[in-house]
Amino acid sequence: MYVCICNAITSRQLDAAIEGGAATLEQLQMDLGVAMGCGCCAEGVQQHLADALAARQAAPVPVAVAGLPTAGVTDPGAFTLTGRQSAAGVDGCSL
């Protein structure tokens, strides 16, 4: 869907720029040229940005552990590491 008619910017383009690191309206303006024409879309773009950033904050971050399988794992919490803690770190780790 078009969010900026003046510069033909779509919501997909906004999402891609946000995923690429844009976190402010000014960054989106520099990256895409959004809200640089008449400015009517600025409020909607700011709301889209806020929603996208909030969703990113709420999304769980997957954590990969070396040696553990990742493909097809539906419950990463099912894996636990055990071992002894020493001054050098954890040794004797097993699954």
PDB file of N, CA and C in Angstrom:
ATOM      1  N   MET A   1       0.842  -1.171   0.000  1.00  0.00           N
ATOM      2  CA  MET A   1       0.000   0.000   0.000  1.00  0.00           C
ATOM      3  C   MET A   1       0.894   1.242   0.000  1.00  0.00           C
ATOM      4  N   TYR A   2       0.511   2.235  -0.754  1.00  0.00           N
ATOM      5  CA  TYR A   2       1.267   3.480  -0.790  1.00  0.00           C
ATOM      6  C   TYR A   2       1.026   4.269   0.489  1.00  0.00           C
ATOM      7  N   VAL A   3       2.100   4.738   1.089  1.00  0.00           N
ATOM      8  CA  VAL A   3       1.983   5.577   2.276  1.00  0.00           C
ATOM      9  C   VAL A   3       2.356   7.023   1.948  1.00  0.00           C
ATOM     10  N   CYS A   4       3.161   7.210   0.905  1.00  0.00           N
ATOM     11  CA  CYS A   4       3.562   8.545   0.460  1.00  0.00           C
ATOM     12  C   CYS A   4       3.264   8.630  -1.037  1.00  0.00           C
ATOM     13  N   ILE A   5       2.216   9.343  -1.372  1.00  0.00           N
ATOM     14  CA  ILE A   5       1.800   9.460  -2.769  1.00  0.00           C
ATOM     15  C   ILE A   5       2.782  10.334  -3.557  1.00  0.00           C
ATOM     16  N   CYS A   6       3.290  11.392  -2.932  1.00  0.00           N
ATOM     17  CA  CYS A   6       4.195  12.323  -3.631  1.00  0.00           C
ATOM     18  C   CYS A   6       5.432  11.615  -4.178  1.00  0.00           C
ATOM     19  N   ASN A   7       5.962  10.670  -3.393  1.00  0.00           N
ATOM     20  CA  ASN A   7       7.196   9.994  -3.798  1.00  0.00           C
ATOM     21  C   ASN A   7       7.006   8.506  -4.057  1.00  0.00           C
ATOM     22  N   ALA A   8       5.752   8.064  -4.131  1.00  0.00           N
ATOM     23  CA  ALA A   8       5.403   6.670  -4.448  1.00  0.00           C
ATOM     24  C   ALA A   8       6.132   5.682  -3.537  1.00  0.00           C
ATOM     25  N   ILE A   9       6.067   5.931  -2.213  1.00  0.00           N
ATOM     26  CA  ILE A   9       6.704   5.060  -1.225  1.00  0.00           C
ATOM     27  C   ILE A   9       5.639   4.137  -0.646  1.00  0.00           C
ATOM     28  N   THR A  10       5.955   2.846  -0.616  1.00  0.00           N
ATOM     29  CA  THR A  10       5.009   1.852  -0.110  1.00  0.00           C
ATOM     30  C   THR A  10       5.354   1.440   1.320  1.00  0.00           C
ATOM     31  N   SER A  11       4.408   0.792   1.961  1.00  0.00           N
ATOM     32  CA  SER A  11       4.649   0.292   3.318  1.00  0.00           C
ATOM     33  C   SER A  11       5.742  -0.785   3.315  1.00  0.00           C
ATOM     34  N   ARG A  12       5.859  -1.538   2.245  1.00  0.00           N
ATOM     35  CA  ARG A  12       6.941  -2.534   2.143  1.00  0.00           C
ATOM     36  C   ARG A  12       8.308  -1.857   2.120  1.00  0.00           C
ATOM     37  N   GLN A  13       8.392  -0.740   1.418  1.00  0.00           N
ATOM     38  CA  GLN A  13       9.653  -0.001   1.394  1.00  0.00           C
ATOM     39  C   GLN A  13       9.982   0.557   2.783  1.00  0.00           C
ATOM     40  N   LEU A  14       8.962   1.031   3.487  1.00  0.00           N
ATOM     41  CA  LEU A  14       9.160   1.496   4.861  1.00  0.00           C
ATOM     42  C   LEU A  14       9.679   0.363   5.728  1.00  0.00           C
ATOM     43  N   ASP A  15       9.024  -0.790   5.632  1.00  0.00           N
ATOM     44  CA  ASP A  15       9.429  -1.944   6.445  1.00  0.00           C
ATOM     45  C   ASP A  15      10.878  -2.341   6.158  1.00  0.00           C
ATOM     46  N   ALA A  16      11.253  -2.341   4.902  1.00  0.00           N
ATOM     47  CA  ALA A  16      12.619  -2.718   4.537  1.00  0.00           C
ATOM     48  C   ALA A  16      13.625  -1.716   5.102  1.00  0.00           C
ATOM     49  N   ALA A  17      13.298  -0.429   5.051  1.00  0.00           N
ATOM     50  CA  ALA A  17      14.202   0.585   5.589  1.00  0.00           C
ATOM     51  C   ALA A  17      14.317   0.467   7.109  1.00  0.00           C
ATOM     52  N   ILE A  18      13.215   0.154   7.761  1.00  0.00           N
ATOM     53  CA  ILE A  18      13.223  -0.009   9.218  1.00  0.00           C
ATOM     54  C   ILE A  18      14.035  -1.250   9.590  1.00  0.00           C
ATOM     55  N   GLU A  19      13.841  -2.325   8.859  1.00  0.00           N
ATOM     56  CA  GLU A  19      14.640  -3.530   9.092  1.00  0.00           C
ATOM     57  C   GLU A  19      16.112  -3.264   8.829  1.00  0.00           C
ATOM     58  N   GLY A  20      16.389  -2.339   7.929  1.00  0.00           N
ATOM     59  CA  GLY A  20      17.761  -1.968   7.607  1.00  0.00           C
ATOM     60  C   GLY A  20      18.392  -1.019   8.620  1.00  0.00           C
ATOM     61  N   GLY A  21      17.606  -0.605   9.616  1.00  0.00           N
ATOM     62  CA  GLY A  21      18.172   0.212  10.685  1.00  0.00           C
ATOM     63  C   GLY A  21      17.581   1.590  10.876  1.00  0.00           C
ATOM     64  N   ALA A  22      16.721   2.034   9.983  1.00  0.00           N
ATOM     65  CA  ALA A  22      16.114   3.357  10.153  1.00  0.00           C
ATOM     66  C   ALA A  22      15.231   3.336  11.403  1.00  0.00           C
ATOM     67  N   ALA A  23      15.413   4.322  12.272  1.00  0.00           N
ATOM     68  CA  ALA A  23      14.671   4.345  13.531  1.00  0.00           C
ATOM     69  C   ALA A  23      14.013   5.695  13.802  1.00  0.00           C
ATOM     70  N   THR A  24      14.134   6.627  12.867  1.00  0.00           N
ATOM     71  CA  THR A  24      13.502   7.943  13.022  1.00  0.00           C
ATOM     72  C   THR A  24      12.881   8.356  11.700  1.00  0.00           C
ATOM     73  N   LEU A  25      11.968   9.308  11.774  1.00  0.00           N
ATOM     74  CA  LEU A  25      11.364   9.850  10.561  1.00  0.00           C
ATOM     75  C   LEU A  25      12.441  10.482   9.687  1.00  0.00           C
ATOM     76  N   GLU A  26      13.386  11.165  10.316  1.00  0.00           N
ATOM     77  CA  GLU A  26      14.455  11.809   9.553  1.00  0.00           C
ATOM     78  C   GLU A  26      15.277  10.782   8.770  1.00  0.00           C
ATOM     79  N   GLN A  27      15.551   9.635   9.377  1.00  0.00           N
ATOM     80  CA  GLN A  27      16.297   8.593   8.665  1.00  0.00           C
ATOM     81  C   GLN A  27      15.489   8.049   7.500  1.00  0.00           C
ATOM     82  N   LEU A  28      14.187   7.878   7.689  1.00  0.00           N
ATOM     83  CA  LEU A  28      13.335   7.411   6.596  1.00  0.00           C
ATOM     84  C   LEU A  28      13.279   8.449   5.483  1.00  0.00           C
ATOM     85  N   GLN A  29      13.268   9.721   5.859  1.00  0.00           N
ATOM     86  CA  GLN A  29      13.272  10.780   4.850  1.00  0.00           C
ATOM     87  C   GLN A  29      14.566  10.739   4.042  1.00  0.00           C
ATOM     88  N   MET A  30      15.689  10.552   4.708  1.00  0.00           N
ATOM     89  CA  MET A  30      16.976  10.500   4.008  1.00  0.00           C
ATOM     90  C   MET A  30      17.085   9.244   3.142  1.00  0.00           C
ATOM     91  N   ASP A  31      16.601   8.106   3.681  1.00  0.00           N
ATOM     92  CA  ASP A  31      16.709   6.836   2.959  1.00  0.00           C
ATOM     93  C   ASP A  31      15.751   6.753   1.775  1.00  0.00           C
ATOM     94  N   LEU A  32      14.500   7.192   1.991  1.00  0.00           N
ATOM     95  CA  LEU A  32      13.457   6.964   0.989  1.00  0.00           C
ATOM     96  C   LEU A  32      12.889   8.227   0.359  1.00  0.00           C
ATOM     97  N   GLY A  33      13.036   9.356   1.031  1.00  0.00           N
ATOM     98  CA  GLY A  33      12.396  10.575   0.545  1.00  0.00           C
ATOM     99  C   GLY A  33      10.947  10.677   0.977  1.00  0.00           C
ATOM    100  N   VAL A  34      10.537   9.829   1.902  1.00  0.00           N
ATOM    101  CA  VAL A  34       9.155   9.839   2.384  1.00  0.00           C
ATOM    102  C   VAL A  34       8.896  11.127   3.172  1.00  0.00           C
ATOM    103  N   ALA A  35       7.676  11.647   3.076  1.00  0.00           N
ATOM    104  CA  ALA A  35       7.229  12.843   3.797  1.00  0.00           C
ATOM    105  C   ALA A  35       8.081  14.063   3.455  1.00  0.00           C
ATOM    106  N   MET A  36       8.586  14.118   2.246  1.00  0.00           N
ATOM    107  CA  MET A  36       9.413  15.254   1.824  1.00  0.00           C
ATOM    108  C   MET A  36       8.657  16.162   0.837  1.00  0.00           C
ATOM    109  N   GLY A  37       7.477  15.719   0.404  1.00  0.00           N
ATOM    110  CA  GLY A  37       6.693  16.519  -0.542  1.00  0.00           C
ATOM    111  C   GLY A  37       5.719  17.397   0.218  1.00  0.00           C
ATOM    112  N   CYS A  38       4.477  17.036   0.199  1.00  0.00           N
ATOM    113  CA  CYS A  38       3.446  17.836   0.868  1.00  0.00           C
ATOM    114  C   CYS A  38       3.441  17.634   2.379  1.00  0.00           C
ATOM    115  N   GLY A  39       3.959  16.482   2.838  1.00  0.00           N
ATOM    116  CA  GLY A  39       4.030  16.218   4.279  1.00  0.00           C
ATOM    117  C   GLY A  39       2.783  15.601   4.871  1.00  0.00           C
ATOM    118  N   CYS A  40       1.765  15.375   4.052  1.00  0.00           N
ATOM    119  CA  CYS A  40       0.512  14.810   4.576  1.00  0.00           C
ATOM    120  C   CYS A  40       0.695  13.410   5.152  1.00  0.00           C
ATOM    121  N   CYS A  41       1.709  12.691   4.720  1.00  0.00           N
ATOM    122  CA  CYS A  41       1.900  11.312   5.168  1.00  0.00           C
ATOM    123  C   CYS A  41       2.768  11.212   6.425  1.00  0.00           C
ATOM    124  N   ALA A  42       3.357  12.307   6.876  1.00  0.00           N
ATOM    125  CA  ALA A  42       4.321  12.271   7.982  1.00  0.00           C
ATOM    126  C   ALA A  42       3.743  11.613   9.233  1.00  0.00           C
ATOM    127  N   GLU A  43       2.525  11.951   9.607  1.00  0.00           N
ATOM    128  CA  GLU A  43       1.925  11.382  10.811  1.00  0.00           C
ATOM    129  C   GLU A  43       1.725   9.874  10.669  1.00  0.00           C
ATOM    130  N   GLY A  44       1.246   9.437   9.519  1.00  0.00           N
ATOM    131  CA  GLY A  44       1.052   8.008   9.282  1.00  0.00           C
ATOM    132  C   GLY A  44       2.370   7.252   9.232  1.00  0.00           C
ATOM    133  N   VAL A  45       3.393   7.861   8.662  1.00  0.00           N
ATOM    134  CA  VAL A  45       4.717   7.237   8.597  1.00  0.00           C
ATOM    135  C   VAL A  45       5.296   7.105  10.001  1.00  0.00           C
ATOM    136  N   GLN A  46       5.133   8.153  10.819  1.00  0.00           N
ATOM    137  CA  GLN A  46       5.620   8.088  12.195  1.00  0.00           C
ATOM    138  C   GLN A  46       4.908   6.982  12.971  1.00  0.00           C
ATOM    139  N   GLN A  47       3.601   6.809  12.736  1.00  0.00           N
ATOM    140  CA  GLN A  47       2.859   5.749  13.421  1.00  0.00           C
ATOM    141  C   GLN A  47       3.321   4.376  12.935  1.00  0.00           C
ATOM    142  N   HIS A  48       3.543   4.238  11.652  1.00  0.00           N
ATOM    143  CA  HIS A  48       4.035   2.975  11.084  1.00  0.00           C
ATOM    144  C   HIS A  48       5.396   2.635  11.685  1.00  0.00           C
ATOM    145  N   LEU A  49       6.258   3.631  11.788  1.00  0.00           N
ATOM    146  CA  LEU A  49       7.585   3.445  12.374  1.00  0.00           C
ATOM    147  C   LEU A  49       7.472   3.030  13.836  1.00  0.00           C
ATOM    148  N   ALA A  50       6.639   3.709  14.605  1.00  0.00           N
ATOM    149  CA  ALA A  50       6.463   3.378  16.021  1.00  0.00           C
ATOM    150  C   ALA A  50       5.937   1.958  16.195  1.00  0.00           C
ATOM    151  N   ASP A  51       4.961   1.572  15.376  1.00  0.00           N
ATOM    152  CA  ASP A  51       4.410   0.215  15.446  1.00  0.00           C
ATOM    153  C   ASP A  51       5.468  -0.826  15.099  1.00  0.00           C
ATOM    154  N   ALA A  52       6.254  -0.565  14.072  1.00  0.00           N
ATOM    155  CA  ALA A  52       7.289  -1.518  13.657  1.00  0.00           C
ATOM    156  C   ALA A  52       8.372  -1.659  14.719  1.00  0.00           C
ATOM    157  N   LEU A  53       8.788  -0.551  15.310  1.00  0.00           N
ATOM    158  CA  LEU A  53       9.810  -0.610  16.352  1.00  0.00           C
ATOM    159  C   LEU A  53       9.287  -1.305  17.605  1.00  0.00           C
ATOM    160  N   ALA A  54       8.014  -1.070  17.948  1.00  0.00           N
ATOM    161  CA  ALA A  54       7.411  -1.739  19.101  1.00  0.00           C
ATOM    162  C   ALA A  54       7.310  -3.238  18.858  1.00  0.00           C
ATOM    163  N   ALA A  55       6.957  -3.634  17.644  1.00  0.00           N
ATOM    164  CA  ALA A  55       6.864  -5.064  17.313  1.00  0.00           C
ATOM    165  C   ALA A  55       8.237  -5.716  17.394  1.00  0.00           C
ATOM    166  N   ARG A  56       9.266  -4.997  16.959  1.00  0.00           N
ATOM    167  CA  ARG A  56      10.622  -5.532  17.027  1.00  0.00           C
ATOM    168  C   ARG A  56      11.050  -5.727  18.479  1.00  0.00           C
ATOM    169  N   GLN A  57      10.689  -4.792  19.357  1.00  0.00           N
ATOM    170  CA  GLN A  57      11.033  -4.886  20.778  1.00  0.00           C
ATOM    171  C   GLN A  57      10.325  -6.068  21.427  1.00  0.00           C
ATOM    172  N   ALA A  58       9.087  -6.331  21.002  1.00  0.00           N
ATOM    173  CA  ALA A  58       8.291  -7.395  21.609  1.00  0.00           C
ATOM    174  C   ALA A  58       8.639  -8.778  21.082  1.00  0.00           C
ATOM    175  N   ALA A  59       9.248  -8.851  19.915  1.00  0.00           N
ATOM    176  CA  ALA A  59       9.558 -10.147  19.303  1.00  0.00           C
ATOM    177  C   ALA A  59      10.689 -10.835  20.059  1.00  0.00           C
ATOM    178  N   PRO A  60      10.555 -12.143  20.297  1.00  0.00           N
ATOM    179  CA  PRO A  60      11.647 -12.863  20.953  1.00  0.00           C
ATOM    180  C   PRO A  60      12.871 -12.928  20.037  1.00  0.00           C
ATOM    181  N   VAL A  61      14.021 -12.852  20.632  1.00  0.00           N
ATOM    182  CA  VAL A  61      15.269 -12.909  19.877  1.00  0.00           C
ATOM    183  C   VAL A  61      15.801 -14.333  19.945  1.00  0.00           C
ATOM    184  N   PRO A  62      15.927 -15.009  18.799  1.00  0.00           N
ATOM    185  CA  PRO A  62      16.455 -16.367  18.817  1.00  0.00           C
ATOM    186  C   PRO A  62      17.939 -16.358  19.201  1.00  0.00           C
ATOM    187  N   VAL A  63      18.309 -17.307  20.021  1.00  0.00           N
ATOM    188  CA  VAL A  63      19.696 -17.423  20.458  1.00  0.00           C
ATOM    189  C   VAL A  63      20.233 -18.758  19.965  1.00  0.00           C
ATOM    190  N   ALA A  64      21.339 -18.709  19.250  1.00  0.00           N
ATOM    191  CA  ALA A  64      21.960 -19.931  18.754  1.00  0.00           C
ATOM    192  C   ALA A  64      23.094 -20.323  19.697  1.00  0.00           C
ATOM    193  N   VAL A  65      23.179 -21.605  20.003  1.00  0.00           N
ATOM    194  CA  VAL A  65      24.252 -22.140  20.829  1.00  0.00           C
ATOM    195  C   VAL A  65      25.051 -23.086  19.952  1.00  0.00           C
ATOM    196  N   ALA A  66      26.342 -22.863  19.900  1.00  0.00           N
ATOM    197  CA  ALA A  66      27.205 -23.692  19.055  1.00  0.00           C
ATOM    198  C   ALA A  66      27.016 -25.155  19.393  1.00  0.00           C
ATOM    199  N   GLY A  67      26.830 -25.955  18.372  1.00  0.00           N
ATOM    200  CA  GLY A  67      26.705 -27.395  18.561  1.00  0.00           C
ATOM    201  C   GLY A  67      25.274 -27.885  18.706  1.00  0.00           C
ATOM    202  N   LEU A  68      24.323 -26.974  18.918  1.00  0.00           N
ATOM    203  CA  LEU A  68      22.924 -27.395  19.041  1.00  0.00           C
ATOM    204  C   LEU A  68      22.256 -27.317  17.674  1.00  0.00           C
ATOM    205  N   PRO A  69      21.398 -28.270  17.382  1.00  0.00           N
ATOM    206  CA  PRO A  69      20.678 -28.195  16.112  1.00  0.00           C
ATOM    207  C   PRO A  69      19.705 -27.031  16.147  1.00  0.00           C
ATOM    208  N   THR A  70      19.499 -26.376  15.011  1.00  0.00           N
ATOM    209  CA  THR A  70      18.543 -25.283  14.963  1.00  0.00           C
ATOM    210  C   THR A  70      17.390 -25.572  14.016  1.00  0.00           C
ATOM    211  N   ALA A  71      17.623 -26.338  12.977  1.00  0.00           N
ATOM    212  CA  ALA A  71      16.563 -26.631  12.015  1.00  0.00           C
ATOM    213  C   ALA A  71      15.523 -27.537  12.652  1.00  0.00           C
ATOM    214  N   GLY A  72      14.275 -27.125  12.572  1.00  0.00           N
ATOM    215  CA  GLY A  72      13.186 -27.944  13.065  1.00  0.00           C
ATOM    216  C   GLY A  72      12.985 -27.893  14.565  1.00  0.00           C
ATOM    217  N   VAL A  73      13.734 -27.070  15.273  1.00  0.00           N
ATOM    218  CA  VAL A  73      13.564 -26.975  16.725  1.00  0.00           C
ATOM    219  C   VAL A  73      12.397 -26.039  16.984  1.00  0.00           C
ATOM    220  N   THR A  74      11.350 -26.566  17.598  1.00  0.00           N
ATOM    221  CA  THR A  74      10.184 -25.742  17.874  1.00  0.00           C
ATOM    222  C   THR A  74      10.177 -25.228  19.300  1.00  0.00           C
ATOM    223  N   ASP A  75      10.935 -25.847  20.194  1.00  0.00           N
ATOM    224  CA  ASP A  75      10.995 -25.409  21.587  1.00  0.00           C
ATOM    225  C   ASP A  75      12.447 -25.354  22.031  1.00  0.00           C
ATOM    226  N   PRO A  76      13.118 -24.210  21.772  1.00  0.00           N
ATOM    227  CA  PRO A  76      14.516 -24.119  22.148  1.00  0.00           C
ATOM    228  C   PRO A  76      14.729 -24.281  23.644  1.00  0.00           C
ATOM    229  N   GLY A  77      13.706 -24.048  24.456  1.00  0.00           N
ATOM    230  CA  GLY A  77      13.812 -24.206  25.902  1.00  0.00           C
ATOM    231  C   GLY A  77      13.953 -25.662  26.316  1.00  0.00           C
ATOM    232  N   ALA A  78      13.744 -26.574  25.365  1.00  0.00           N
ATOM    233  CA  ALA A  78      13.851 -27.998  25.680  1.00  0.00           C
ATOM    234  C   ALA A  78      15.299 -28.419  25.860  1.00  0.00           C
ATOM    235  N   PHE A  79      16.237 -27.600  25.407  1.00  0.00           N
ATOM    236  CA  PHE A  79      17.650 -27.905  25.542  1.00  0.00           C
ATOM    237  C   PHE A  79      18.205 -27.219  26.785  1.00  0.00           C
ATOM    238  N   THR A  80      18.936 -27.962  27.587  1.00  0.00           N
ATOM    239  CA  THR A  80      19.609 -27.368  28.728  1.00  0.00           C
ATOM    240  C   THR A  80      21.060 -27.814  28.729  1.00  0.00           C
ATOM    241  N   LEU A  81      21.910 -26.944  29.172  1.00  0.00           N
ATOM    242  CA  LEU A  81      23.322 -27.267  29.268  1.00  0.00           C
ATOM    243  C   LEU A  81      23.660 -27.536  30.729  1.00  0.00           C
ATOM    244  N   THR A  82      24.442 -28.558  30.957  1.00  0.00           N
ATOM    245  CA  THR A  82      24.891 -28.846  32.309  1.00  0.00           C
ATOM    246  C   THR A  82      26.403 -28.908  32.322  1.00  0.00           C
ATOM    247  N   GLY A  83      27.001 -28.623  33.430  1.00  0.00           N
ATOM    248  CA  GLY A  83      28.456 -28.674  33.525  1.00  0.00           C
ATOM    249  C   GLY A  83      28.911 -28.044  34.828  1.00  0.00           C
ATOM    250  N   ARG A  84      30.203 -28.086  35.075  1.00  0.00           N
ATOM    251  CA  ARG A  84      30.775 -27.491  36.275  1.00  0.00           C
ATOM    252  C   ARG A  84      31.295 -26.113  35.950  1.00  0.00           C
ATOM    253  N   GLN A  85      31.071 -25.191  36.847  1.00  0.00           N
ATOM    254  CA  GLN A  85      31.607 -23.858  36.688  1.00  0.00           C
ATOM    255  C   GLN A  85      32.977 -23.807  37.347  1.00  0.00           C
ATOM    256  N   SER A  86      33.962 -23.310  36.641  1.00  0.00           N
ATOM    257  CA  SER A  86      35.284 -23.150  37.203  1.00  0.00           C
ATOM    258  C   SER A  86      35.787 -21.745  36.868  1.00  0.00           C
ATOM    259  N   ALA A  87      36.954 -21.413  37.371  1.00  0.00           N
ATOM    260  CA  ALA A  87      37.506 -20.088  37.106  1.00  0.00           C
ATOM    261  C   ALA A  87      37.714 -19.884  35.611  1.00  0.00           C
ATOM    262  N   ALA A  88      37.949 -20.945  34.868  1.00  0.00           N
ATOM    263  CA  ALA A  88      38.178 -20.857  33.424  1.00  0.00           C
ATOM    264  C   ALA A  88      36.879 -20.869  32.634  1.00  0.00           C
ATOM    265  N   GLY A  89      35.768 -21.102  33.283  1.00  0.00           N
ATOM    266  CA  GLY A  89      34.488 -21.158  32.589  1.00  0.00           C
ATOM    267  C   GLY A  89      33.781 -22.462  32.890  1.00  0.00           C
ATOM    268  N   VAL A  90      32.870 -22.854  32.011  1.00  0.00           N
ATOM    269  CA  VAL A  90      32.117 -24.085  32.200  1.00  0.00           C
ATOM    270  C   VAL A  90      32.849 -25.201  31.470  1.00  0.00           C
ATOM    271  N   ASP A  91      33.115 -26.309  32.164  1.00  0.00           N
ATOM    272  CA  ASP A  91      33.739 -27.447  31.506  1.00  0.00           C
ATOM    273  C   ASP A  91      32.858 -28.676  31.682  1.00  0.00           C
ATOM    274  N   GLY A  92      33.064 -29.641  30.882  1.00  0.00           N
ATOM    275  CA  GLY A  92      32.266 -30.866  30.963  1.00  0.00           C
ATOM    276  C   GLY A  92      30.821 -30.657  30.545  1.00  0.00           C
ATOM    277  N   CYS A  93      30.569 -29.712  29.666  1.00  0.00           N
ATOM    278  CA  CYS A  93      29.186 -29.427  29.237  1.00  0.00           C
ATOM    279  C   CYS A  93      28.612 -30.616  28.478  1.00  0.00           C
ATOM    280  N   SER A  94      27.359 -30.867  28.709  1.00  0.00           N
ATOM    281  CA  SER A  94      26.665 -31.900  27.949  1.00  0.00           C
ATOM    282  C   SER A  94      25.232 -31.473  27.758  1.00  0.00           C
ATOM    283  N   LEU A  95      24.579 -32.102  26.815  1.00  0.00           N
ATOM    284  CA  LEU A  95      23.176 -31.816  26.556  1.00  0.00           C
ATOM    285  C   LEU A  95      22.299 -32.792  27.251  1.00  0.00           C
TER     286      LEU A  95
END
